[in-house]
Protein backbone atom coordinates (compact mmCIF):
# COMPACT_ATOMS: atom_id res chain seq x y z
CA MET A 1 4.78 -16.96 -29.28
CA ALA A 2 1.17 -16.81 -29.78
CA VAL A 3 -0.41 -13.39 -30.48
CA ILE A 4 -4.10 -12.41 -28.65
CA GLU A 5 -5.82 -9.47 -31.18
CA ARG A 6 -7.09 -7.12 -29.17
CA SER A 7 -8.37 -3.33 -29.11
CA ALA A 8 -5.79 -0.70 -27.88
CA PRO A 9 -7.04 0.10 -24.10
CA GLY A 10 -10.24 2.25 -24.17
CA ALA A 11 -7.69 5.44 -22.98
CA ALA A 12 -5.58 4.81 -25.90
CA GLY A 13 -2.56 5.12 -23.78
CA GLY A 14 -3.03 8.57 -21.97
CA GLU A 15 -4.73 9.63 -18.92
CA LEU A 16 -8.79 9.78 -18.96
CA ALA A 17 -10.25 13.00 -19.07
CA THR A 18 -10.64 14.20 -15.13
CA GLY A 19 -14.29 13.86 -15.88
CA SER A 20 -15.03 11.15 -17.18
CA ARG A 21 -16.69 8.21 -15.20
CA ALA A 22 -14.48 6.19 -14.89
CA SER A 23 -11.83 8.58 -13.44
CA TRP A 24 -13.78 9.88 -11.12
CA ALA A 25 -14.53 6.50 -10.27
CA LEU A 26 -11.48 5.60 -9.42
CA ASP A 27 -10.47 8.73 -7.21
CA ALA A 28 -13.82 7.78 -5.51
CA LEU A 29 -12.64 4.48 -5.02
CA ASN A 30 -9.32 5.07 -3.44
CA PHE A 31 -10.71 7.55 -1.74
CA THR A 32 -12.91 4.79 0.41
CA LEU A 33 -10.69 2.16 1.01
CA ALA A 34 -8.32 4.39 2.28
CA ASP A 35 -8.14 2.46 5.82
CA VAL A 36 -9.85 -0.23 3.97
CA ARG A 37 -7.01 -1.45 2.08
CA ASP A 38 -4.46 -0.88 5.41
CA GLY A 39 -6.78 -2.18 8.04
CA LEU A 40 -6.90 -1.26 11.43
CA GLY A 41 -3.33 -1.05 12.48
CA PRO A 42 -2.79 1.23 15.61
CA TYR A 43 -6.69 2.07 15.93
CA LEU A 44 -6.46 -1.75 16.90
CA ALA A 45 -3.35 -1.83 18.95
CA ILE A 46 -5.07 0.82 21.10
CA TYR A 47 -8.03 -0.51 21.48
CA LEU A 48 -6.39 -3.82 22.68
CA LEU A 49 -4.07 -2.07 24.94
CA ALA A 50 -6.08 0.95 26.13
CA VAL A 51 -9.72 -1.13 26.89
CA ARG A 52 -8.98 -4.74 26.61
CA GLY A 53 -5.45 -3.81 28.36
CA PRO A 54 -3.14 -6.49 30.24
CA GLN A 55 -6.41 -7.64 32.53
CA GLN A 56 -7.76 -9.37 29.48
CA GLY A 57 -4.00 -10.40 28.39
CA TRP A 58 -3.43 -7.90 25.62
CA ASP A 59 -0.18 -6.35 26.28
CA GLU A 60 2.66 -4.80 23.44
CA ALA A 61 3.79 -8.35 22.84
CA THR A 62 0.51 -10.23 22.38
CA ILE A 63 -0.83 -7.15 20.05
CA GLY A 64 1.89 -7.45 18.10
CA LEU A 65 1.94 -11.31 17.78
CA VAL A 66 -1.75 -10.60 16.55
CA MET A 67 -0.83 -8.09 13.74
CA THR A 68 1.40 -10.79 12.75
CA ILE A 69 -0.41 -13.53 12.45
CA ALA A 70 -3.21 -11.59 10.51
CA GLY A 71 0.29 -9.77 8.66
CA VAL A 72 1.12 -13.75 7.64
CA ALA A 73 -2.26 -14.80 6.34
CA GLY A 74 -2.21 -11.43 4.19
CA LEU A 75 1.15 -12.20 2.88
CA VAL A 76 0.14 -16.12 2.29
CA ALA A 77 -2.62 -14.57 0.07
CA GLN A 78 -0.95 -12.15 -2.19
CA THR A 79 0.63 -14.00 -4.81
CA PRO A 80 -2.64 -16.26 -5.18
CA ALA A 81 -4.66 -12.91 -5.46
CA GLY A 82 -2.13 -11.35 -8.14
CA ALA A 83 -2.86 -14.69 -9.94
CA LEU A 84 -6.66 -14.44 -9.83
CA ILE A 85 -6.54 -10.57 -10.47
CA ASP A 86 -4.75 -11.48 -13.67
CA ARG A 87 -6.72 -14.69 -14.89
CA THR A 88 -10.35 -12.93 -13.95
CA SER A 89 -12.51 -10.38 -15.87
CA ARG A 90 -14.51 -9.76 -13.07
CA LYS A 91 -12.27 -7.45 -10.95
CA ARG A 92 -14.81 -5.04 -9.17
CA SER A 93 -16.88 -7.95 -8.02
CA VAL A 94 -13.23 -9.39 -6.39
CA VAL A 95 -13.13 -5.82 -5.05
CA ILE A 96 -16.59 -6.15 -3.69
CA ALA A 97 -16.44 -9.19 -1.79
CA ALA A 98 -12.98 -8.28 -0.53
CA ALA A 99 -14.64 -5.08 1.17
CA LEU A 100 -17.96 -7.04 2.17
CA ALA A 101 -15.36 -9.80 4.19
CA VAL A 102 -13.54 -6.37 5.75
CA THR A 103 -16.82 -4.70 6.96
CA LEU A 104 -17.95 -8.11 8.36
CA SER A 105 -14.39 -8.73 10.28
CA SER A 106 -14.53 -4.91 11.55
CA LEU A 107 -18.41 -4.84 12.87
CA ALA A 108 -17.07 -8.48 15.07
CA LEU A 109 -14.44 -6.85 16.90
CA PRO A 110 -16.76 -5.22 19.71
CA PHE A 111 -18.03 -8.14 20.12
CA ILE A 112 -15.33 -10.77 21.20
CA GLY A 113 -12.38 -10.13 23.05
CA SER A 114 -10.33 -13.64 23.31
CA PHE A 115 -6.41 -13.75 20.85
CA ALA A 116 -8.06 -16.65 18.51
CA ALA A 117 -11.22 -14.44 17.86
CA VAL A 118 -9.52 -11.48 17.62
CA ALA A 119 -6.56 -13.29 15.13
CA ALA A 120 -8.88 -14.89 13.14
CA THR A 121 -11.43 -11.90 12.55
CA GLN A 122 -8.01 -10.19 11.63
CA SER A 123 -6.94 -12.82 9.24
CA ILE A 124 -9.67 -12.63 7.64
CA ALA A 125 -9.14 -9.15 6.57
CA GLY A 126 -5.84 -9.38 5.95
CA VAL A 127 -6.37 -12.31 3.36
CA ALA A 128 -9.23 -9.57 1.86
CA GLY A 129 -6.90 -7.07 1.98
CA ALA A 130 -4.49 -8.72 0.04
CA VAL A 131 -7.22 -8.10 -3.14
CA PHE A 132 -7.27 -4.52 -2.94
CA PRO A 133 -3.78 -3.14 -4.25
CA PRO A 134 -3.35 -5.65 -7.47
CA ALA A 135 -6.84 -5.15 -8.49
CA LEU A 136 -6.47 -1.20 -7.96
CA ALA A 137 -3.21 -1.10 -10.30
CA ALA A 138 -4.98 -3.57 -12.79
CA ILE A 139 -8.27 -1.47 -12.94
CA THR A 140 -5.94 1.63 -13.36
CA LEU A 141 -3.44 -0.43 -15.44
CA GLY A 142 -6.62 -1.60 -17.93
CA ILE A 143 -8.31 2.04 -18.19
CA VAL A 144 -5.24 4.47 -18.39
CA GLY A 145 -2.68 1.93 -20.43
CA PRO A 146 0.82 1.76 -19.18
CA GLN A 147 1.95 5.38 -20.82
CA ALA A 148 -0.25 7.48 -18.34
CA PHE A 149 -0.11 4.50 -15.38
CA ALA A 150 2.60 6.78 -13.41
CA ARG A 151 0.67 9.63 -13.42
CA ARG A 152 -2.74 8.08 -12.57
CA ILE A 153 -0.73 5.50 -9.81
CA GLY A 154 0.38 8.87 -8.36
CA ARG A 155 -3.63 10.51 -8.63
CA ASN A 156 -4.66 6.96 -6.99
CA GLU A 157 -2.03 7.29 -4.40
CA ALA A 158 -3.47 11.13 -3.92
CA PHE A 159 -6.92 9.72 -3.44
CA ASN A 160 -6.12 7.27 -1.36
CA HIS A 161 -4.12 9.50 1.08
CA ALA A 162 -6.84 12.14 1.34
CA GLY A 163 -9.15 9.08 2.79
CA ASN A 164 -7.02 8.04 5.18
CA ALA A 165 -6.72 11.61 6.40
CA VAL A 166 -10.13 12.49 6.34
CA SER A 167 -11.09 8.73 7.92
CA ALA A 168 -9.10 9.26 10.60
CA GLY A 169 -9.96 13.03 11.32
CA ILE A 170 -13.83 11.69 11.31
CA ALA A 171 -12.22 8.76 13.61
CA ALA A 172 -10.69 11.19 15.99
CA ALA A 173 -13.40 13.11 16.28
CA CYS A 174 -16.06 10.56 17.21
CA ALA A 175 -13.10 8.44 19.33
CA THR A 176 -13.54 11.70 21.56
CA LEU A 177 -17.40 11.55 21.69
CA PHE A 178 -17.84 7.59 21.90
CA GLY A 179 -14.59 6.11 22.68
CA PRO A 180 -11.78 3.66 20.64
CA VAL A 181 -14.48 1.55 19.75
CA VAL A 182 -16.24 3.93 16.58
CA VAL A 183 -13.13 3.24 14.77
CA PHE A 184 -14.53 -0.27 13.82
CA TRP A 185 -18.20 0.82 13.17
CA LEU A 186 -16.41 3.71 10.85
CA MET A 187 -14.22 1.22 9.02
CA ALA A 188 -17.72 -1.11 8.47
CA LEU A 189 -18.96 2.20 6.80
CA LEU A 190 -16.05 3.14 4.39
CA ALA A 191 -15.91 -0.33 3.18
CA VAL A 192 -19.44 -0.31 2.30
CA LEU A 193 -19.34 3.11 0.54
CA SER A 194 -16.64 1.19 -1.16
CA ILE A 195 -18.59 -1.58 -2.50
CA GLY A 196 -20.56 1.74 -4.53
CA ALA A 197 -17.74 3.55 -5.42
CA THR A 198 -16.35 -0.13 -7.33
CA LEU A 199 -20.09 -0.45 -9.47
CA LEU A 200 -19.44 3.17 -10.40
CA ILE A 201 -16.65 1.91 -12.87
CA PRO A 202 -17.72 0.62 -16.33
CA ALA A 203 -16.93 -2.73 -16.70
CA ALA A 204 -16.26 -2.40 -20.60
CA ALA A 205 -13.53 0.75 -19.01
CA VAL A 206 -10.63 -2.12 -17.97
CA ASP A 207 -9.20 -3.98 -21.19
CA ASP A 208 -8.50 -7.01 -19.33
CA ALA A 209 -4.71 -7.70 -21.70
CA VAL A 210 -3.56 -4.40 -20.83
CA ALA A 211 -4.75 -5.06 -17.39
CA ARG A 212 -2.00 -8.05 -16.63
CA GLY A 213 0.56 -6.15 -18.23
CA LEU A 214 0.74 -7.43 -21.99
CA ASP A 215 1.69 -4.69 -24.63
CA HIS A 216 -0.25 -3.53 -26.93
CA SER A 217 2.12 -1.00 -28.10
CA ALA A 218 2.97 -3.31 -31.47
CA GLY A 219 0.36 -2.12 -33.20
CA GLY A 220 -2.83 -3.16 -31.13
CA ALA A 221 -1.44 -6.60 -30.83
CA ALA A 222 -0.87 -8.20 -27.46
CA GLN A 223 1.12 -11.31 -26.78
CA ALA A 224 0.05 -14.28 -25.18
CA PRO A 225 1.09 -14.84 -21.02
CA SER A 226 4.56 -16.01 -20.82
CA GLY A 227 5.89 -18.53 -18.83
CA TRP A 228 6.11 -18.48 -15.18
CA ARG A 229 9.87 -19.34 -15.41
CA THR A 230 9.85 -14.93 -17.04
CA LEU A 231 9.21 -13.93 -13.08
CA LEU A 232 11.66 -16.95 -11.32
CA GLU A 233 14.44 -15.39 -13.40
CA ASN A 234 14.08 -11.95 -13.45
CA ARG A 235 16.67 -11.12 -11.07
CA LEU A 236 15.59 -7.40 -10.46
CA LEU A 237 12.32 -8.05 -9.32
CA LEU A 238 13.60 -11.05 -6.89
CA LEU A 239 15.78 -8.01 -5.27
CA PHE A 240 12.70 -5.73 -5.47
CA ALA A 241 10.95 -7.93 -3.50
CA VAL A 242 13.80 -8.03 -0.92
CA LEU A 243 14.21 -4.16 -1.11
CA ALA A 244 10.39 -4.16 -0.22
CA ALA A 245 10.33 -6.67 2.51
CA LEU A 246 13.67 -3.96 4.18
CA PHE A 247 10.99 -1.06 3.63
CA HIS A 248 8.26 -2.39 5.50
CA LEU A 249 10.19 -4.46 8.36
CA ALA A 250 11.87 -0.92 8.87
CA ASN A 251 8.45 0.85 8.36
CA ALA A 252 5.09 -0.89 9.67
CA ALA A 253 6.06 -1.20 13.27
CA MET A 254 6.91 1.95 13.29
CA LEU A 255 3.78 3.85 13.57
CA THR A 256 1.86 1.27 15.73
CA SER A 257 4.89 1.66 18.18
CA VAL A 258 4.22 5.69 18.68
CA SER A 259 0.44 4.66 19.01
CA GLN A 260 1.39 2.63 22.14
CA LEU A 261 3.78 4.94 23.48
CA LEU A 262 0.68 7.89 22.77
CA SER A 263 -1.76 5.49 25.19
CA LYS A 264 1.16 5.31 27.75
CA LEU A 265 2.33 9.26 28.14
CA ALA A 266 -1.35 10.45 26.93
CA GLY A 267 -4.03 8.19 28.70
CA LYS A 268 -6.28 6.06 26.57
CA GLU A 269 -8.91 9.22 26.89
CA SER A 270 -6.84 11.05 24.57
CA ALA A 271 -4.15 8.49 22.51
CA THR A 272 -6.94 7.70 19.75
CA SER A 273 -7.48 11.44 19.14
CA MET A 274 -3.06 11.70 18.98
CA VAL A 275 -2.83 8.77 16.97
CA ALA A 276 -5.59 9.90 14.25
CA LEU A 277 -3.53 13.28 14.25
CA CYS A 278 -0.37 11.55 13.37
CA ILE A 279 -2.48 9.58 10.27
CA VAL A 280 -4.13 12.90 9.19
CA ALA A 281 -0.84 14.46 9.55
CA ALA A 282 1.08 12.48 7.59
CA GLN A 283 -1.62 11.66 5.16
CA LEU A 284 -2.01 15.39 4.41
CA VAL A 285 2.31 15.49 3.38
CA MET A 286 1.39 12.06 1.80
CA VAL A 287 -1.02 13.66 -0.96
CA PRO A 288 1.48 16.23 -2.63
CA VAL A 289 4.19 13.88 -2.43
CA ALA A 290 2.25 11.14 -4.39
CA MET A 291 1.06 13.69 -6.94
CA LEU A 292 4.64 15.10 -7.01
CA VAL A 293 5.91 11.53 -7.85
CA GLY A 294 3.34 10.58 -10.02
CA ALA A 295 3.94 13.53 -12.26
CA ARG A 296 7.73 13.32 -12.19
CA ALA A 297 8.75 9.62 -11.36
CA ASP A 298 9.38 9.06 -15.54
CA ARG A 299 11.58 12.36 -15.62
CA TRP A 300 13.43 12.22 -12.16
CA GLY A 301 13.78 7.80 -12.61
CA ARG A 302 12.33 5.97 -9.88
CA LYS A 303 15.71 5.06 -7.84
CA PRO A 304 16.73 8.69 -6.19
CA LEU A 305 13.13 8.67 -5.20
CA PHE A 306 13.38 5.14 -3.67
CA LEU A 307 16.48 6.37 -2.06
CA THR A 308 14.50 8.85 -0.27
CA ALA A 309 11.94 7.33 0.35
CA PHE A 310 14.51 4.84 2.42
CA GLY A 311 16.54 7.57 3.95
CA VAL A 312 13.67 9.56 5.50
CA LEU A 313 12.25 6.28 6.99
CA ALA A 314 15.86 6.34 8.49
CA VAL A 315 15.81 9.37 9.94
CA ARG A 316 12.21 9.45 10.89
CA GLY A 317 13.20 6.54 13.54
CA ALA A 318 15.81 8.13 14.92
CA LEU A 319 13.78 11.49 15.50
CA TYR A 320 11.81 9.31 17.49
CA THR A 321 13.66 8.72 20.08
CA LEU A 322 14.92 12.26 20.43
CA SER A 323 11.83 13.51 22.73
CA ASP A 324 8.16 11.85 24.57
CA GLU A 325 6.06 14.99 23.82
CA PRO A 326 3.52 14.11 22.77
CA MET A 327 3.18 16.33 19.95
CA ALA A 328 6.64 16.28 19.51
CA LEU A 329 6.11 12.40 17.99
CA VAL A 330 3.08 13.82 16.14
CA ALA A 331 5.40 16.10 14.23
CA VAL A 332 7.97 13.42 13.35
CA GLN A 333 5.18 11.76 12.42
CA CYS A 334 5.08 13.59 9.35
CA LEU A 335 7.85 12.34 7.73
CA ASP A 336 6.12 8.98 7.08
CA GLY A 337 4.45 11.19 4.61
CA VAL A 338 7.45 11.59 2.49
CA GLY A 339 8.79 8.05 3.01
CA ALA A 340 5.51 6.26 2.04
CA GLY A 341 4.15 8.48 -0.31
CA ILE A 342 7.02 7.74 -2.02
CA TYR A 343 7.08 4.41 -1.86
CA GLY A 344 2.83 3.84 -2.04
CA ALA A 345 3.20 6.18 -5.62
CA LEU A 346 6.22 3.99 -7.39
CA PHE A 347 5.61 0.42 -5.61
CA PRO A 348 3.26 -0.69 -8.84
CA VAL A 349 5.25 1.80 -11.56
CA VAL A 350 8.46 -0.70 -10.69
CA VAL A 351 6.56 -3.42 -11.01
CA ALA A 352 5.56 -2.94 -13.83
CA ASP A 353 8.66 -1.64 -15.38
CA LEU A 354 9.92 -4.96 -14.68
CA THR A 355 7.39 -7.30 -15.59
CA ARG A 356 6.07 -5.19 -19.05
CA GLY A 357 5.11 -7.56 -21.67
CA THR A 358 5.35 -10.54 -19.55
CA GLY A 359 1.46 -11.09 -18.91
CA HIS A 360 1.92 -11.44 -15.09
CA PHE A 361 1.75 -7.98 -13.76
CA ASN A 362 -0.44 -8.47 -10.87
CA VAL A 363 1.01 -11.80 -9.93
CA ALA A 364 3.92 -10.71 -9.93
CA GLN A 365 2.40 -7.33 -7.64
CA GLY A 366 1.21 -10.39 -5.38
CA ALA A 367 4.65 -12.04 -5.31
CA VAL A 368 6.58 -8.71 -4.43
CA GLY A 369 3.23 -7.76 -1.98
CA ALA A 370 4.13 -11.12 -0.09
CA ALA A 371 7.45 -10.53 0.65
CA GLN A 372 6.32 -6.74 1.68
CA GLY A 373 3.89 -8.17 4.04
CA LEU A 374 6.55 -10.64 5.31
CA GLY A 375 8.87 -7.69 5.97
CA ALA A 376 5.30 -6.14 7.65
CA ALA A 377 3.93 -9.00 9.81
CA LEU A 378 8.16 -9.37 11.10
CA SER A 379 7.96 -5.72 11.76
CA THR A 380 5.18 -5.72 14.85
CA SER A 381 6.35 -8.61 16.52
CA LEU A 382 9.67 -7.29 16.48
CA ALA A 383 9.10 -4.07 17.60
CA GLY A 384 7.03 -5.20 20.06
CA PHE A 385 9.36 -7.91 22.01
CA ILE A 386 12.02 -5.67 21.85
CA ILE A 387 9.80 -2.64 23.37
CA VAL A 388 8.88 -4.97 25.81
CA ARG A 389 12.29 -5.93 26.77
CA PHE A 390 14.29 -3.26 25.82
CA GLY A 391 11.83 -0.17 25.75
CA TYR A 392 10.32 1.87 22.84
CA THR A 393 14.34 3.75 22.29
CA ALA A 394 15.79 0.44 20.97
CA ALA A 395 12.71 -0.86 18.72
CA PHE A 396 12.65 2.95 17.36
CA LEU A 397 16.61 2.41 16.43
CA GLY A 398 16.46 -0.76 15.43
CA LEU A 399 13.94 0.04 13.13
CA ALA A 400 16.03 3.12 11.74
CA GLY A 401 18.57 0.12 11.26
CA VAL A 402 17.12 -1.89 8.96
CA ALA A 403 16.22 1.70 6.70
CA ALA A 404 19.38 2.25 6.99
CA ALA A 405 21.01 -1.21 5.05
CA GLY A 406 17.68 -0.76 2.80
CA PHE A 407 18.94 2.10 1.83
CA ALA A 408 22.42 1.16 1.14
CA LEU A 409 21.43 -2.35 -0.69
CA TYR A 410 19.12 -0.20 -3.20
CA ALA A 411 22.32 1.87 -3.82
CA VAL A 412 24.52 -0.47 -4.35
CA LEU A 413 22.02 -3.31 -6.49
CA MET A 414 19.59 -1.79 -7.64
CA PRO A 415 19.61 -0.05 -11.05
CA GLU A 416 17.32 2.60 -12.63
CA THR A 417 14.15 0.74 -13.87
CA GLY A 418 12.16 3.52 -15.76
CA VAL A 419 12.49 4.82 -19.35
CA HIS A 420 15.87 5.30 -19.04
CA GLY A 421 17.24 2.50 -17.02
CA CYS A 422 16.20 -0.77 -18.09
CA ASP A 423 18.00 -3.38 -20.05
CA GLN A 424 16.24 -3.88 -23.66
CA SER A 425 14.82 -6.67 -22.62
CA ARG A 426 12.35 -5.13 -20.28
CA ARG A 427 11.96 -1.64 -21.90
CA PRO A 428 8.98 -0.62 -23.72
CA HIS A 429 8.23 -1.52 -27.42
CA PRO A 430 10.43 1.64 -29.13
CA ARG A 431 6.50 3.53 -30.49
CA THR A 432 5.85 3.37 -26.40
CA ARG A 433 9.09 4.97 -25.14
CA ARG A 434 8.65 7.91 -28.20
CA ARG A 435 5.01 8.41 -26.78
CA ILE A 436 6.63 8.57 -23.20
CA ALA A 437 9.43 10.52 -24.42
CA ALA A 438 7.16 13.36 -26.25
CA GLY A 439 4.64 13.16 -23.20
CA ILE A 440 7.61 13.60 -20.90
CA ARG A 441 8.56 17.13 -22.59
CA ARG A 442 5.16 18.65 -22.41
CA LEU A 443 5.19 18.01 -18.59
């Protein structure tokens, strides 16, 4: 196989000094992109249900359908987005273009009301949002190298969740004064700020070969990318895609469904603030969870952490059925901080485990992300129709059952993918493993 001679990553396989420009620029980018990359989600549901309402053709089912359409558009874009990130050396420009698309989509929403127009703008935002996860992971991997990737991804997720918490707090305060529409303006502002943060990352700090998953560990030389067949024959990667779809089939609609329930229980005047409180509570839990997972994923292993995420998700769905008190629902939402916090910090790490040395890290992220997006898109539509026909309790129990099924499949079929669990063909080079082991002993 051909060999591409490249210098080692700028970080020499280690974490950047916290004061370096690239490191704090990554912090700022993850903070400002927090709401942008996740989309409007429950805020859109509240706006359409409480402000537009049934008189304009919006109920739980139509809201779920428009979010499903946007989700499908995003998932179709996932794999091409990953392939683009693998191939391009202008990753920052791609992030900026996507942020601009999200900005325009958000600014248009207060001025449109038809199903087709809302679906179109949210589909554009969904396609743009497909760029952010592989781009952020690729830029991170290209800066810090594979040895420090798990820790740095944990830090990325911590800043992402902190950004979500802060923006949700601002949204709650502003919505009380100006109504739910203020969320769209806030989203646009954050997208603009993310463009500035992207420009602060030095282009020279990102090693493009390492960013796509090629291995520099063998004396500074990286193999050329392998063929696509390598990914198609990777059974563990395909299994992980199924598990990712199940996690999001269970998880994606929970917050949206709770937000709709709160709009009925608390009224539209308080619903946005209550949902913002839900998000803040969960995100504040996610920050330490993500940091802990990033710091300990190599020592504890990926599998027990992922099983914890599935288990907590199932418990959360069941607990939603025990009370209709708004503050009780907010308290249960804190469990999202554990499940989603673990998942977000481990998802790119497991994909990196399974694709090390192939040169297709980002397209693999996109492919697995497409499965994840399919689960999320089906989740909102499924929950919406169950709510309309059988009520909220049935919807939450159904989502909890999906999470329990995911737990069982992961426990039985998925091996440990970390340093001590991958099969030899997917494990890092021996020199890399020795460096990782030395780093773990220093923790």
